[in-house]
């Protein structure tokens, strides 16, 4: 299992590579292999910020 920091890195890469696509929390969380709720919690702790505004 990947560490949370690796999952966040992978999800940020996913966001970057799909910058011009309409993606939401569900798609990004799925790429990180987490539920949307769990992804939100992990992202907020790792980035010290919310994901709102990114997608």
PDB file of N, CA and C in Angstrom:
ATOM      1  N   UNK A   1       0.841  -1.193   0.000  1.00  0.00           N
ATOM      2  CA  UNK A   1       0.000   0.000   0.000  1.00  0.00           C
ATOM      3  C   UNK A   1       0.876   1.242   0.000  1.00  0.00           C
ATOM      4  N   UNK A   2       0.525   2.187  -0.811  1.00  0.00           N
ATOM      5  CA  UNK A   2       1.272   3.439  -0.877  1.00  0.00           C
ATOM      6  C   UNK A   2       1.032   4.266   0.377  1.00  0.00           C
ATOM      7  N   UNK A   3       2.001   5.091   0.689  1.00  0.00           N
ATOM      8  CA  UNK A   3       1.810   6.036   1.784  1.00  0.00           C
ATOM      9  C   UNK A   3       0.841   7.119   1.321  1.00  0.00           C
ATOM     10  N   UNK A   4       0.263   7.825   2.281  1.00  0.00           N
ATOM     11  CA  UNK A   4      -0.663   8.892   1.923  1.00  0.00           C
ATOM     12  C   UNK A   4       0.022   9.966   1.097  1.00  0.00           C
ATOM     13  N   UNK A   5       1.271  10.279   1.397  1.00  0.00           N
ATOM     14  CA  UNK A   5       1.948  11.321   0.618  1.00  0.00           C
ATOM     15  C   UNK A   5       2.094  10.899  -0.838  1.00  0.00           C
ATOM     16  N   UNK A   6       2.319   9.624  -1.084  1.00  0.00           N
ATOM     17  CA  UNK A   6       2.413   9.128  -2.460  1.00  0.00           C
ATOM     18  C   UNK A   6       1.045   9.187  -3.139  1.00  0.00           C
ATOM     19  N   UNK A   7      -0.007   8.855  -2.417  1.00  0.00           N
ATOM     20  CA  UNK A   7      -1.354   8.931  -2.983  1.00  0.00           C
ATOM     21  C   UNK A   7      -1.723  10.369  -3.318  1.00  0.00           C
ATOM     22  N   UNK A   8      -1.359  11.302  -2.465  1.00  0.00           N
ATOM     23  CA  UNK A   8      -1.620  12.720  -2.735  1.00  0.00           C
ATOM     24  C   UNK A   8      -0.817  13.168  -3.944  1.00  0.00           C
ATOM     25  N   UNK A   9       0.445  12.765  -4.025  1.00  0.00           N
ATOM     26  CA  UNK A   9       1.284  13.116  -5.183  1.00  0.00           C
ATOM     27  C   UNK A   9       0.653  12.593  -6.465  1.00  0.00           C
ATOM     28  N   UNK A  10       0.193  11.355  -6.448  1.00  0.00           N
ATOM     29  CA  UNK A  10      -0.440  10.770  -7.633  1.00  0.00           C
ATOM     30  C   UNK A  10      -1.726  11.505  -7.998  1.00  0.00           C
ATOM     31  N   UNK A  11      -2.495  11.892  -6.984  1.00  0.00           N
ATOM     32  CA  UNK A  11      -3.743  12.591  -7.281  1.00  0.00           C
ATOM     33  C   UNK A  11      -3.472  13.999  -7.813  1.00  0.00           C
ATOM     34  N   UNK A  12      -2.443  14.664  -7.311  1.00  0.00           N
ATOM     35  CA  UNK A  12      -2.089  15.977  -7.856  1.00  0.00           C
ATOM     36  C   UNK A  12      -1.621  15.858  -9.304  1.00  0.00           C
ATOM     37  N   UNK A  13      -0.915  14.793  -9.624  1.00  0.00           N
ATOM     38  CA  UNK A  13      -0.510  14.541 -11.005  1.00  0.00           C
ATOM     39  C   UNK A  13      -1.754  14.319 -11.870  1.00  0.00           C
ATOM     40  N   UNK A  14      -2.714  13.566 -11.355  1.00  0.00           N
ATOM     41  CA  UNK A  14      -3.970  13.333 -12.081  1.00  0.00           C
ATOM     42  C   UNK A  14      -4.681  14.655 -12.352  1.00  0.00           C
ATOM     43  N   UNK A  15      -4.756  15.511 -11.337  1.00  0.00           N
ATOM     44  CA  UNK A  15      -5.388  16.822 -11.509  1.00  0.00           C
ATOM     45  C   UNK A  15      -4.642  17.633 -12.567  1.00  0.00           C
ATOM     46  N   UNK A  16      -3.334  17.629 -12.493  1.00  0.00           N
ATOM     47  CA  UNK A  16      -2.515  18.386 -13.444  1.00  0.00           C
ATOM     48  C   UNK A  16      -2.686  17.880 -14.871  1.00  0.00           C
ATOM     49  N   UNK A  17      -2.723  16.572 -15.055  1.00  0.00           N
ATOM     50  CA  UNK A  17      -2.843  16.022 -16.405  1.00  0.00           C
ATOM     51  C   UNK A  17      -4.256  16.135 -16.960  1.00  0.00           C
ATOM     52  N   UNK A  18      -5.225  16.421 -16.101  1.00  0.00           N
ATOM     53  CA  UNK A  18      -6.610  16.598 -16.533  1.00  0.00           C
ATOM     54  C   UNK A  18      -7.091  18.015 -16.266  1.00  0.00           C
ATOM     55  N   UNK A  19      -6.169  18.936 -16.320  1.00  0.00           N
ATOM     56  CA  UNK A  19      -6.446  20.320 -15.955  1.00  0.00           C
ATOM     57  C   UNK A  19      -7.597  20.931 -16.747  1.00  0.00           C
ATOM     58  N   UNK A  20      -7.740  20.552 -17.994  1.00  0.00           N
ATOM     59  CA  UNK A  20      -8.764  21.151 -18.841  1.00  0.00           C
ATOM     60  C   UNK A  20     -10.019  20.286 -18.942  1.00  0.00           C
ATOM     61  N   UNK A  21     -10.079  19.235 -18.154  1.00  0.00           N
ATOM     62  CA  UNK A  21     -11.255  18.366 -18.100  1.00  0.00           C
ATOM     63  C   UNK A  21     -12.075  18.728 -16.871  1.00  0.00           C
ATOM     64  N   UNK A  22     -13.340  18.414 -16.911  1.00  0.00           N
ATOM     65  CA  UNK A  22     -14.189  18.613 -15.741  1.00  0.00           C
ATOM     66  C   UNK A  22     -14.077  17.371 -14.863  1.00  0.00           C
ATOM     67  N   UNK A  23     -13.314  17.470 -13.807  1.00  0.00           N
ATOM     68  CA  UNK A  23     -13.183  16.365 -12.869  1.00  0.00           C
ATOM     69  C   UNK A  23     -13.652  16.835 -11.498  1.00  0.00           C
ATOM     70  N   UNK A  24     -14.079  15.905 -10.705  1.00  0.00           N
ATOM     71  CA  UNK A  24     -14.568  16.234  -9.376  1.00  0.00           C
ATOM     72  C   UNK A  24     -13.851  15.430  -8.316  1.00  0.00           C
ATOM     73  N   UNK A  25     -14.261  15.667  -7.105  1.00  0.00           N
ATOM     74  CA  UNK A  25     -13.673  14.986  -5.969  1.00  0.00           C
ATOM     75  C   UNK A  25     -13.764  13.470  -6.113  1.00  0.00           C
ATOM     76  N   UNK A  26     -14.870  12.977  -6.624  1.00  0.00           N
ATOM     77  CA  UNK A  26     -15.052  11.538  -6.760  1.00  0.00           C
ATOM     78  C   UNK A  26     -13.996  10.911  -7.665  1.00  0.00           C
ATOM     79  N   UNK A  27     -13.709  11.558  -8.787  1.00  0.00           N
ATOM     80  CA  UNK A  27     -12.705  11.022  -9.719  1.00  0.00           C
ATOM     81  C   UNK A  27     -11.305  11.078  -9.119  1.00  0.00           C
ATOM     82  N   UNK A  28     -10.985  12.168  -8.466  1.00  0.00           N
ATOM     83  CA  UNK A  28      -9.651  12.313  -7.877  1.00  0.00           C
ATOM     84  C   UNK A  28      -9.481  11.316  -6.727  1.00  0.00           C
ATOM     85  N   UNK A  29     -10.494  11.190  -5.895  1.00  0.00           N
ATOM     86  CA  UNK A  29     -10.434  10.232  -4.788  1.00  0.00           C
ATOM     87  C   UNK A  29     -10.287   8.809  -5.315  1.00  0.00           C
ATOM     88  N   UNK A  30     -10.989   8.502  -6.382  1.00  0.00           N
ATOM     89  CA  UNK A  30     -10.885   7.173  -6.990  1.00  0.00           C
ATOM     90  C   UNK A  30      -9.465   6.897  -7.479  1.00  0.00           C
ATOM     91  N   UNK A  31      -8.843   7.895  -8.080  1.00  0.00           N
ATOM     92  CA  UNK A  31      -7.448   7.737  -8.522  1.00  0.00           C
ATOM     93  C   UNK A  31      -6.519   7.476  -7.338  1.00  0.00           C
ATOM     94  N   UNK A  32      -6.845   8.023  -6.187  1.00  0.00           N
ATOM     95  CA  UNK A  32      -6.029   7.839  -4.983  1.00  0.00           C
ATOM     96  C   UNK A  32      -6.433   6.580  -4.217  1.00  0.00           C
ATOM     97  N   UNK A  33      -7.427   5.855  -4.747  1.00  0.00           N
ATOM     98  CA  UNK A  33      -7.923   4.625  -4.125  1.00  0.00           C
ATOM     99  C   UNK A  33      -8.520   4.877  -2.742  1.00  0.00           C
ATOM    100  N   UNK A  34      -9.176   6.025  -2.591  1.00  0.00           N
ATOM    101  CA  UNK A  34      -9.804   6.389  -1.330  1.00  0.00           C
ATOM    102  C   UNK A  34     -11.243   6.827  -1.583  1.00  0.00           C
ATOM    103  N   UNK A  35     -12.056   6.783  -0.541  1.00  0.00           N
ATOM    104  CA  UNK A  35     -13.399   7.348  -0.654  1.00  0.00           C
ATOM    105  C   UNK A  35     -13.254   8.867  -0.715  1.00  0.00           C
ATOM    106  N   UNK A  36     -14.242   9.557  -1.274  1.00  0.00           N
ATOM    107  CA  UNK A  36     -14.158  11.020  -1.300  1.00  0.00           C
ATOM    108  C   UNK A  36     -13.969  11.617   0.091  1.00  0.00           C
ATOM    109  N   UNK A  37     -14.668  11.087   1.098  1.00  0.00           N
ATOM    110  CA  UNK A  37     -14.513  11.603   2.462  1.00  0.00           C
ATOM    111  C   UNK A  37     -13.089  11.409   2.968  1.00  0.00           C
ATOM    112  N   UNK A  38     -12.560  10.204   2.820  1.00  0.00           N
ATOM    113  CA  UNK A  38     -11.209   9.904   3.314  1.00  0.00           C
ATOM    114  C   UNK A  38     -10.167  10.720   2.538  1.00  0.00           C
ATOM    115  N   UNK A  39     -10.348  10.847   1.237  1.00  0.00           N
ATOM    116  CA  UNK A  39      -9.420  11.649   0.433  1.00  0.00           C
ATOM    117  C   UNK A  39      -9.393  13.092   0.943  1.00  0.00           C
ATOM    118  N   UNK A  40     -10.568  13.655   1.196  1.00  0.00           N
ATOM    119  CA  UNK A  40     -10.649  15.030   1.696  1.00  0.00           C
ATOM    120  C   UNK A  40      -9.862  15.179   2.994  1.00  0.00           C
ATOM    121  N   UNK A  41     -10.029  14.235   3.914  1.00  0.00           N
ATOM    122  CA  UNK A  41      -9.336  14.293   5.195  1.00  0.00           C
ATOM    123  C   UNK A  41      -7.819  14.192   5.011  1.00  0.00           C
ATOM    124  N   UNK A  42      -7.375  13.250   4.191  1.00  0.00           N
ATOM    125  CA  UNK A  42      -5.941  13.045   3.953  1.00  0.00           C
ATOM    126  C   UNK A  42      -5.344  14.259   3.245  1.00  0.00           C
ATOM    127  N   UNK A  43      -6.037  14.761   2.214  1.00  0.00           N
ATOM    128  CA  UNK A  43      -5.547  15.914   1.466  1.00  0.00           C
ATOM    129  C   UNK A  43      -5.411  17.124   2.373  1.00  0.00           C
ATOM    130  N   UNK A  44      -6.424  17.366   3.178  1.00  0.00           N
ATOM    131  CA  UNK A  44      -6.403  18.540   4.063  1.00  0.00           C
ATOM    132  C   UNK A  44      -5.228  18.478   5.036  1.00  0.00           C
ATOM    133  N   UNK A  45      -4.972  17.295   5.586  1.00  0.00           N
ATOM    134  CA  UNK A  45      -3.843  17.165   6.510  1.00  0.00           C
ATOM    135  C   UNK A  45      -2.509  17.294   5.793  1.00  0.00           C
ATOM    136  N   UNK A  46      -2.388  16.674   4.637  1.00  0.00           N
ATOM    137  CA  UNK A  46      -1.118  16.675   3.902  1.00  0.00           C
ATOM    138  C   UNK A  46      -0.778  18.051   3.347  1.00  0.00           C
ATOM    139  N   UNK A  47      -1.767  18.758   2.851  1.00  0.00           N
ATOM    140  CA  UNK A  47      -1.532  20.034   2.203  1.00  0.00           C
ATOM    141  C   UNK A  47      -1.787  21.223   3.125  1.00  0.00           C
ATOM    142  N   UNK A  48      -2.300  20.939   4.299  1.00  0.00           N
ATOM    143  CA  UNK A  48      -2.681  21.995   5.258  1.00  0.00           C
ATOM    144  C   UNK A  48      -3.644  22.989   4.613  1.00  0.00           C
ATOM    145  N   UNK A  49      -4.495  22.453   3.763  1.00  0.00           N
ATOM    146  CA  UNK A  49      -5.480  23.253   3.044  1.00  0.00           C
ATOM    147  C   UNK A  49      -6.570  22.332   2.513  1.00  0.00           C
ATOM    148  N   UNK A  50      -7.686  22.913   2.172  1.00  0.00           N
ATOM    149  CA  UNK A  50      -8.771  22.157   1.568  1.00  0.00           C
ATOM    150  C   UNK A  50      -8.543  22.031   0.065  1.00  0.00           C
ATOM    151  N   UNK A  51      -9.189  21.048  -0.532  1.00  0.00           N
ATOM    152  CA  UNK A  51      -9.093  20.857  -1.982  1.00  0.00           C
ATOM    153  C   UNK A  51     -10.032  21.776  -2.731  1.00  0.00           C
ATOM    154  N   UNK A  52     -10.910  22.472  -2.019  1.00  0.00           N
ATOM    155  CA  UNK A  52     -11.902  23.318  -2.704  1.00  0.00           C
ATOM    156  C   UNK A  52     -11.181  24.343  -3.588  1.00  0.00           C
ATOM    157  N   UNK A  53     -11.715  24.507  -4.761  1.00  0.00           N
ATOM    158  CA  UNK A  53     -11.107  25.426  -5.715  1.00  0.00           C
ATOM    159  C   UNK A  53     -10.179  24.738  -6.702  1.00  0.00           C
ATOM    160  N   UNK A  54      -9.727  23.527  -6.359  1.00  0.00           N
ATOM    161  CA  UNK A  54      -8.865  22.792  -7.299  1.00  0.00           C
ATOM    162  C   UNK A  54      -9.676  22.128  -8.386  1.00  0.00           C
ATOM    163  N   UNK A  55     -10.856  21.629  -8.023  1.00  0.00           N
ATOM    164  CA  UNK A  55     -11.715  20.942  -8.981  1.00  0.00           C
ATOM    165  C   UNK A  55     -13.144  21.090  -8.559  1.00  0.00           C
TER     166      UNK A  55
END
